[in-house]
N, C-alpha and C. Protein backbone atom coordinates (compact mmCIF):
# COMPACT_ATOMS: atom_id res chain seq x y z
N MET A 1 186.04 -155.57 -31.17
CA MET A 1 185.54 -154.26 -30.80
C MET A 1 184.83 -153.59 -31.97
N SER A 2 185.39 -153.68 -33.17
CA SER A 2 184.79 -153.01 -34.32
C SER A 2 183.38 -153.49 -34.60
N SER A 3 183.08 -154.75 -34.29
CA SER A 3 181.74 -155.27 -34.54
C SER A 3 180.70 -154.63 -33.61
N ARG A 4 181.13 -154.06 -32.49
CA ARG A 4 180.21 -153.40 -31.57
C ARG A 4 180.03 -151.92 -31.90
N MET A 5 180.76 -151.42 -32.86
CA MET A 5 180.67 -150.01 -33.24
C MET A 5 179.52 -149.81 -34.22
N ARG A 6 178.31 -149.92 -33.69
CA ARG A 6 177.12 -149.84 -34.53
C ARG A 6 176.47 -148.47 -34.50
N GLY A 7 176.84 -147.65 -33.55
CA GLY A 7 176.23 -146.32 -33.43
C GLY A 7 176.80 -145.37 -34.46
N VAL A 8 175.93 -144.77 -35.25
CA VAL A 8 176.36 -143.75 -36.21
C VAL A 8 176.25 -142.40 -35.50
N CYS A 9 177.38 -141.73 -35.38
CA CYS A 9 177.45 -140.47 -34.64
C CYS A 9 177.88 -139.34 -35.57
N THR A 10 177.41 -138.15 -35.25
CA THR A 10 177.79 -136.94 -35.99
C THR A 10 178.49 -136.01 -35.03
N LEU A 11 179.70 -135.61 -35.36
CA LEU A 11 180.47 -134.68 -34.55
C LEU A 11 180.15 -133.27 -35.01
N GLN A 12 179.79 -132.40 -34.05
CA GLN A 12 179.51 -131.02 -34.38
C GLN A 12 180.39 -130.09 -33.55
N ARG A 13 180.73 -128.95 -34.16
CA ARG A 13 181.59 -127.96 -33.51
C ARG A 13 180.86 -126.62 -33.50
N ASP A 14 180.98 -125.91 -32.39
CA ASP A 14 180.38 -124.59 -32.25
C ASP A 14 181.15 -123.61 -33.13
N THR A 15 180.44 -123.00 -34.08
CA THR A 15 181.09 -122.06 -34.99
C THR A 15 180.52 -120.65 -34.85
N SER A 16 179.74 -120.42 -33.79
CA SER A 16 179.16 -119.09 -33.60
C SER A 16 180.19 -118.15 -33.00
N ASP A 17 179.97 -116.89 -33.21
CA ASP A 17 180.83 -115.86 -32.67
C ASP A 17 179.98 -115.04 -31.70
N ILE A 18 179.74 -115.62 -30.53
CA ILE A 18 178.84 -115.00 -29.57
C ILE A 18 179.62 -114.09 -28.64
N GLY A 19 179.23 -112.83 -28.62
CA GLY A 19 179.83 -111.87 -27.71
C GLY A 19 179.09 -111.89 -26.38
N ILE A 20 179.62 -111.22 -25.40
CA ILE A 20 179.02 -111.20 -24.08
C ILE A 20 177.61 -110.59 -24.11
N ASP A 21 177.42 -109.54 -24.88
CA ASP A 21 176.13 -108.86 -24.95
C ASP A 21 175.28 -109.31 -26.12
N SER A 22 175.61 -110.41 -26.73
CA SER A 22 174.92 -110.86 -27.94
C SER A 22 173.73 -111.75 -27.60
N ASP A 23 172.66 -111.61 -28.38
CA ASP A 23 171.50 -112.48 -28.26
C ASP A 23 171.55 -113.60 -29.30
N GLU A 24 172.63 -113.69 -30.02
CA GLU A 24 172.79 -114.68 -31.08
C GLU A 24 172.80 -116.10 -30.51
N ALA A 25 172.08 -117.00 -31.18
CA ALA A 25 172.07 -118.41 -30.76
C ALA A 25 173.34 -119.08 -31.24
N GLN A 26 173.68 -120.19 -30.58
CA GLN A 26 174.86 -120.94 -30.99
C GLN A 26 174.62 -121.54 -32.37
N ALA A 27 175.67 -121.59 -33.16
CA ALA A 27 175.62 -122.21 -34.48
C ALA A 27 176.55 -123.41 -34.47
N TRP A 28 176.03 -124.57 -34.82
CA TRP A 28 176.82 -125.81 -34.83
C TRP A 28 177.02 -126.27 -36.26
N THR A 29 178.25 -126.67 -36.58
CA THR A 29 178.59 -127.15 -37.91
C THR A 29 179.03 -128.61 -37.81
N THR A 30 178.55 -129.43 -38.72
CA THR A 30 178.95 -130.84 -38.76
C THR A 30 180.38 -130.94 -39.25
N VAL A 31 181.19 -131.65 -38.47
CA VAL A 31 182.61 -131.82 -38.78
C VAL A 31 182.88 -133.20 -39.37
N ALA A 32 182.21 -134.22 -38.82
CA ALA A 32 182.46 -135.59 -39.27
C ALA A 32 181.32 -136.50 -38.86
N THR A 33 181.22 -137.62 -39.53
CA THR A 33 180.33 -138.71 -39.15
C THR A 33 181.20 -139.93 -38.93
N PHE A 34 180.96 -140.66 -37.84
CA PHE A 34 181.79 -141.81 -37.52
C PHE A 34 180.96 -142.87 -36.81
N ARG A 35 181.51 -144.05 -36.70
CA ARG A 35 180.87 -145.14 -35.96
C ARG A 35 181.54 -145.27 -34.59
N ALA A 36 180.70 -145.60 -33.59
CA ALA A 36 181.22 -145.76 -32.24
C ALA A 36 180.36 -146.78 -31.50
N GLU A 37 180.95 -147.38 -30.51
CA GLU A 37 180.17 -148.17 -29.55
C GLU A 37 179.67 -147.17 -28.52
N VAL A 38 178.36 -147.14 -28.29
CA VAL A 38 177.76 -146.19 -27.36
C VAL A 38 177.11 -146.98 -26.23
N ARG A 39 177.55 -146.70 -24.99
CA ARG A 39 177.01 -147.41 -23.82
C ARG A 39 176.50 -146.40 -22.80
N PRO A 40 175.29 -146.61 -22.27
CA PRO A 40 174.81 -145.74 -21.19
C PRO A 40 175.66 -145.95 -19.94
N LEU A 41 175.91 -144.88 -19.20
CA LEU A 41 176.72 -144.99 -17.99
C LEU A 41 175.87 -144.97 -16.72
N ARG A 42 175.12 -143.89 -16.54
CA ARG A 42 174.35 -143.75 -15.31
C ARG A 42 173.23 -142.75 -15.57
N PHE A 43 172.32 -142.69 -14.65
CA PHE A 43 171.24 -141.72 -14.73
C PHE A 43 171.17 -141.02 -13.39
N SER A 44 171.05 -139.71 -13.42
CA SER A 44 170.91 -138.98 -12.16
C SER A 44 169.95 -137.82 -12.35
N GLU A 45 169.37 -137.40 -11.28
CA GLU A 45 168.50 -136.24 -11.28
C GLU A 45 168.97 -135.30 -10.19
N SER A 46 168.92 -134.02 -10.48
CA SER A 46 169.22 -133.03 -9.46
C SER A 46 168.21 -131.91 -9.58
N GLU A 47 167.93 -131.29 -8.46
CA GLU A 47 166.99 -130.18 -8.47
C GLU A 47 167.79 -128.89 -8.35
N ARG A 48 167.61 -128.03 -9.31
CA ARG A 48 168.34 -126.77 -9.32
C ARG A 48 167.34 -125.65 -9.57
N GLU A 49 167.20 -124.76 -8.61
CA GLU A 49 166.31 -123.61 -8.71
C GLU A 49 164.89 -124.02 -9.10
N GLY A 50 164.38 -125.07 -8.48
CA GLY A 50 163.01 -125.51 -8.71
C GLY A 50 162.80 -126.34 -9.96
N ALA A 51 163.84 -126.57 -10.76
CA ALA A 51 163.70 -127.38 -11.98
C ALA A 51 164.38 -128.72 -11.77
N VAL A 52 163.78 -129.76 -12.31
CA VAL A 52 164.39 -131.08 -12.24
C VAL A 52 165.23 -131.27 -13.49
N ARG A 53 166.49 -131.60 -13.29
CA ARG A 53 167.40 -131.81 -14.42
C ARG A 53 167.81 -133.27 -14.43
N ALA A 54 167.38 -133.97 -15.49
CA ALA A 54 167.73 -135.38 -15.64
C ALA A 54 168.94 -135.48 -16.56
N VAL A 55 169.94 -136.22 -16.14
CA VAL A 55 171.17 -136.36 -16.92
C VAL A 55 171.44 -137.83 -17.18
N GLN A 56 171.72 -138.17 -18.43
CA GLN A 56 172.10 -139.53 -18.79
C GLN A 56 173.52 -139.47 -19.33
N GLY A 57 174.41 -140.23 -18.72
CA GLY A 57 175.79 -140.27 -19.17
C GLY A 57 175.99 -141.39 -20.18
N TYR A 58 176.95 -141.19 -21.09
CA TYR A 58 177.27 -142.18 -22.12
C TYR A 58 178.78 -142.33 -22.24
N LEU A 59 179.19 -143.53 -22.57
CA LEU A 59 180.57 -143.81 -22.92
C LEU A 59 180.59 -144.13 -24.40
N LEU A 60 181.36 -143.37 -25.17
CA LEU A 60 181.52 -143.63 -26.59
C LEU A 60 182.93 -144.18 -26.80
N VAL A 61 183.03 -145.28 -27.49
CA VAL A 61 184.33 -145.87 -27.81
C VAL A 61 184.49 -145.80 -29.32
N LEU A 62 185.54 -145.14 -29.77
CA LEU A 62 185.76 -144.99 -31.20
C LEU A 62 187.23 -145.12 -31.54
N HIS A 63 187.51 -145.24 -32.81
CA HIS A 63 188.89 -145.38 -33.25
C HIS A 63 189.69 -144.13 -32.91
N THR A 64 190.85 -144.30 -32.36
CA THR A 64 191.73 -143.19 -32.00
C THR A 64 192.04 -142.32 -33.20
N SER A 65 192.17 -142.91 -34.37
CA SER A 65 192.48 -142.13 -35.58
C SER A 65 191.38 -141.11 -35.87
N THR A 66 190.13 -141.42 -35.56
CA THR A 66 189.02 -140.47 -35.76
C THR A 66 189.19 -139.27 -34.84
N VAL A 67 189.53 -139.52 -33.59
CA VAL A 67 189.71 -138.45 -32.61
C VAL A 67 190.85 -137.53 -33.04
N ARG A 68 191.95 -138.11 -33.44
CA ARG A 68 193.13 -137.32 -33.81
C ARG A 68 192.89 -136.56 -35.11
N ALA A 69 192.19 -137.16 -36.06
CA ALA A 69 191.96 -136.51 -37.36
C ALA A 69 191.10 -135.26 -37.21
N HIS A 70 190.19 -135.27 -36.24
CA HIS A 70 189.25 -134.15 -36.09
C HIS A 70 189.48 -133.34 -34.82
N THR A 71 190.52 -133.65 -34.06
CA THR A 71 190.85 -132.95 -32.82
C THR A 71 189.61 -132.74 -31.96
N ILE A 72 188.98 -133.83 -31.56
CA ILE A 72 187.76 -133.77 -30.76
C ILE A 72 188.09 -133.28 -29.35
N THR A 73 187.29 -132.31 -28.87
CA THR A 73 187.49 -131.75 -27.54
C THR A 73 186.15 -131.67 -26.81
N ALA A 74 186.20 -131.26 -25.55
CA ALA A 74 184.99 -131.12 -24.74
C ALA A 74 184.13 -129.95 -25.21
N ALA A 75 184.62 -129.11 -26.09
CA ALA A 75 183.82 -128.01 -26.64
C ALA A 75 182.89 -128.49 -27.76
N ASP A 76 183.11 -129.70 -28.25
CA ASP A 76 182.31 -130.26 -29.33
C ASP A 76 181.10 -131.00 -28.75
N ARG A 77 180.22 -131.44 -29.64
CA ARG A 77 179.09 -132.27 -29.23
C ARG A 77 178.88 -133.36 -30.27
N VAL A 78 178.15 -134.39 -29.85
CA VAL A 78 177.87 -135.54 -30.72
C VAL A 78 176.36 -135.72 -30.82
N LEU A 79 175.88 -135.94 -32.03
CA LEU A 79 174.49 -136.31 -32.25
C LEU A 79 174.46 -137.82 -32.46
N TRP A 80 173.60 -138.48 -31.68
CA TRP A 80 173.49 -139.94 -31.77
C TRP A 80 172.06 -140.35 -31.48
N ASN A 81 171.49 -141.10 -32.39
CA ASN A 81 170.18 -141.71 -32.16
C ASN A 81 169.13 -140.68 -31.73
N GLY A 82 169.16 -139.50 -32.35
CA GLY A 82 168.20 -138.46 -32.03
C GLY A 82 168.51 -137.67 -30.77
N ARG A 83 169.65 -137.91 -30.15
CA ARG A 83 170.03 -137.23 -28.92
C ARG A 83 171.24 -136.33 -29.17
N THR A 84 171.29 -135.24 -28.43
CA THR A 84 172.47 -134.38 -28.46
C THR A 84 173.28 -134.71 -27.21
N LEU A 85 174.52 -135.12 -27.42
CA LEU A 85 175.41 -135.50 -26.32
C LEU A 85 176.51 -134.45 -26.18
N ASN A 86 176.58 -133.85 -25.01
CA ASN A 86 177.63 -132.87 -24.73
C ASN A 86 178.87 -133.62 -24.24
N ILE A 87 179.98 -133.40 -24.91
CA ILE A 87 181.22 -134.09 -24.54
C ILE A 87 181.76 -133.48 -23.25
N ARG A 88 182.03 -134.32 -22.28
CA ARG A 88 182.58 -133.88 -21.00
C ARG A 88 184.06 -134.20 -20.88
N GLU A 89 184.50 -135.27 -21.51
CA GLU A 89 185.90 -135.69 -21.39
C GLU A 89 186.29 -136.55 -22.58
N VAL A 90 187.48 -136.31 -23.10
CA VAL A 90 188.07 -137.18 -24.11
C VAL A 90 189.28 -137.81 -23.45
N ARG A 91 189.21 -139.13 -23.26
CA ARG A 91 190.31 -139.83 -22.59
C ARG A 91 191.37 -140.14 -23.63
N ASP A 92 192.42 -139.34 -23.59
CA ASP A 92 193.50 -139.45 -24.57
C ASP A 92 194.31 -140.71 -24.29
N PRO A 93 194.33 -141.61 -25.25
CA PRO A 93 195.05 -142.87 -25.03
C PRO A 93 196.56 -142.69 -25.16
N ASP A 94 197.26 -143.68 -24.68
CA ASP A 94 198.70 -143.71 -24.89
C ASP A 94 198.97 -143.97 -26.37
N PRO A 95 200.15 -143.59 -26.86
CA PRO A 95 200.47 -143.87 -28.26
C PRO A 95 200.34 -145.37 -28.56
N GLY A 96 199.77 -145.67 -29.69
CA GLY A 96 199.63 -147.06 -30.10
C GLY A 96 198.30 -147.69 -29.72
N VAL A 97 197.47 -147.00 -28.92
CA VAL A 97 196.18 -147.53 -28.54
C VAL A 97 195.19 -147.28 -29.67
N ARG A 98 194.43 -148.31 -30.05
CA ARG A 98 193.52 -148.21 -31.20
C ARG A 98 192.22 -147.49 -30.91
N PHE A 99 191.78 -147.48 -29.65
CA PHE A 99 190.47 -146.93 -29.32
C PHE A 99 190.57 -145.82 -28.28
N THR A 100 189.69 -144.84 -28.40
CA THR A 100 189.61 -143.72 -27.47
C THR A 100 188.23 -143.72 -26.85
N GLU A 101 188.15 -143.33 -25.58
CA GLU A 101 186.87 -143.23 -24.89
C GLU A 101 186.48 -141.77 -24.74
N ILE A 102 185.20 -141.50 -24.98
CA ILE A 102 184.65 -140.17 -24.77
C ILE A 102 183.51 -140.29 -23.77
N ILE A 103 183.52 -139.46 -22.76
CA ILE A 103 182.43 -139.39 -21.80
C ILE A 103 181.55 -138.22 -22.23
N ALA A 104 180.26 -138.49 -22.40
CA ALA A 104 179.33 -137.45 -22.84
C ALA A 104 178.04 -137.59 -22.04
N GLU A 105 177.21 -136.55 -22.11
CA GLU A 105 175.92 -136.63 -21.41
C GLU A 105 174.85 -135.88 -22.17
N SER A 106 173.65 -136.36 -22.01
CA SER A 106 172.47 -135.64 -22.51
C SER A 106 171.66 -135.25 -21.29
N GLY A 107 171.01 -134.13 -21.34
CA GLY A 107 170.24 -133.69 -20.18
C GLY A 107 169.00 -132.95 -20.59
N VAL A 108 168.01 -133.02 -19.72
CA VAL A 108 166.75 -132.35 -19.96
C VAL A 108 166.38 -131.57 -18.71
N THR A 109 166.04 -130.31 -18.89
CA THR A 109 165.58 -129.50 -17.77
C THR A 109 164.08 -129.32 -17.90
N GLN A 110 163.35 -129.65 -16.84
CA GLN A 110 161.89 -129.53 -16.87
C GLN A 110 161.43 -128.46 -15.92
């Protein structure tokens, strides 16, 4: 498995303090850089309010110790290969499992 972990990923966490009435943009801070196996999952398009939204899902497989050391959650995001991946799910493994799966997606609204 480790030989397939060729993707260099950057974990980012939202550090902005955005209030309800604030025009402030989100601020992302780099938390860690790690290697992962990154596999495309599916591609879908949906039309929402006249805009086409293309979504590409990804499965990231990484060492469980990385997930636990940085407490990765669905509020975080991953930068990989020039793409921003929004984390949708962190599949928490049973104790003793070496690898954790993260479901993430990138999307474009046109």
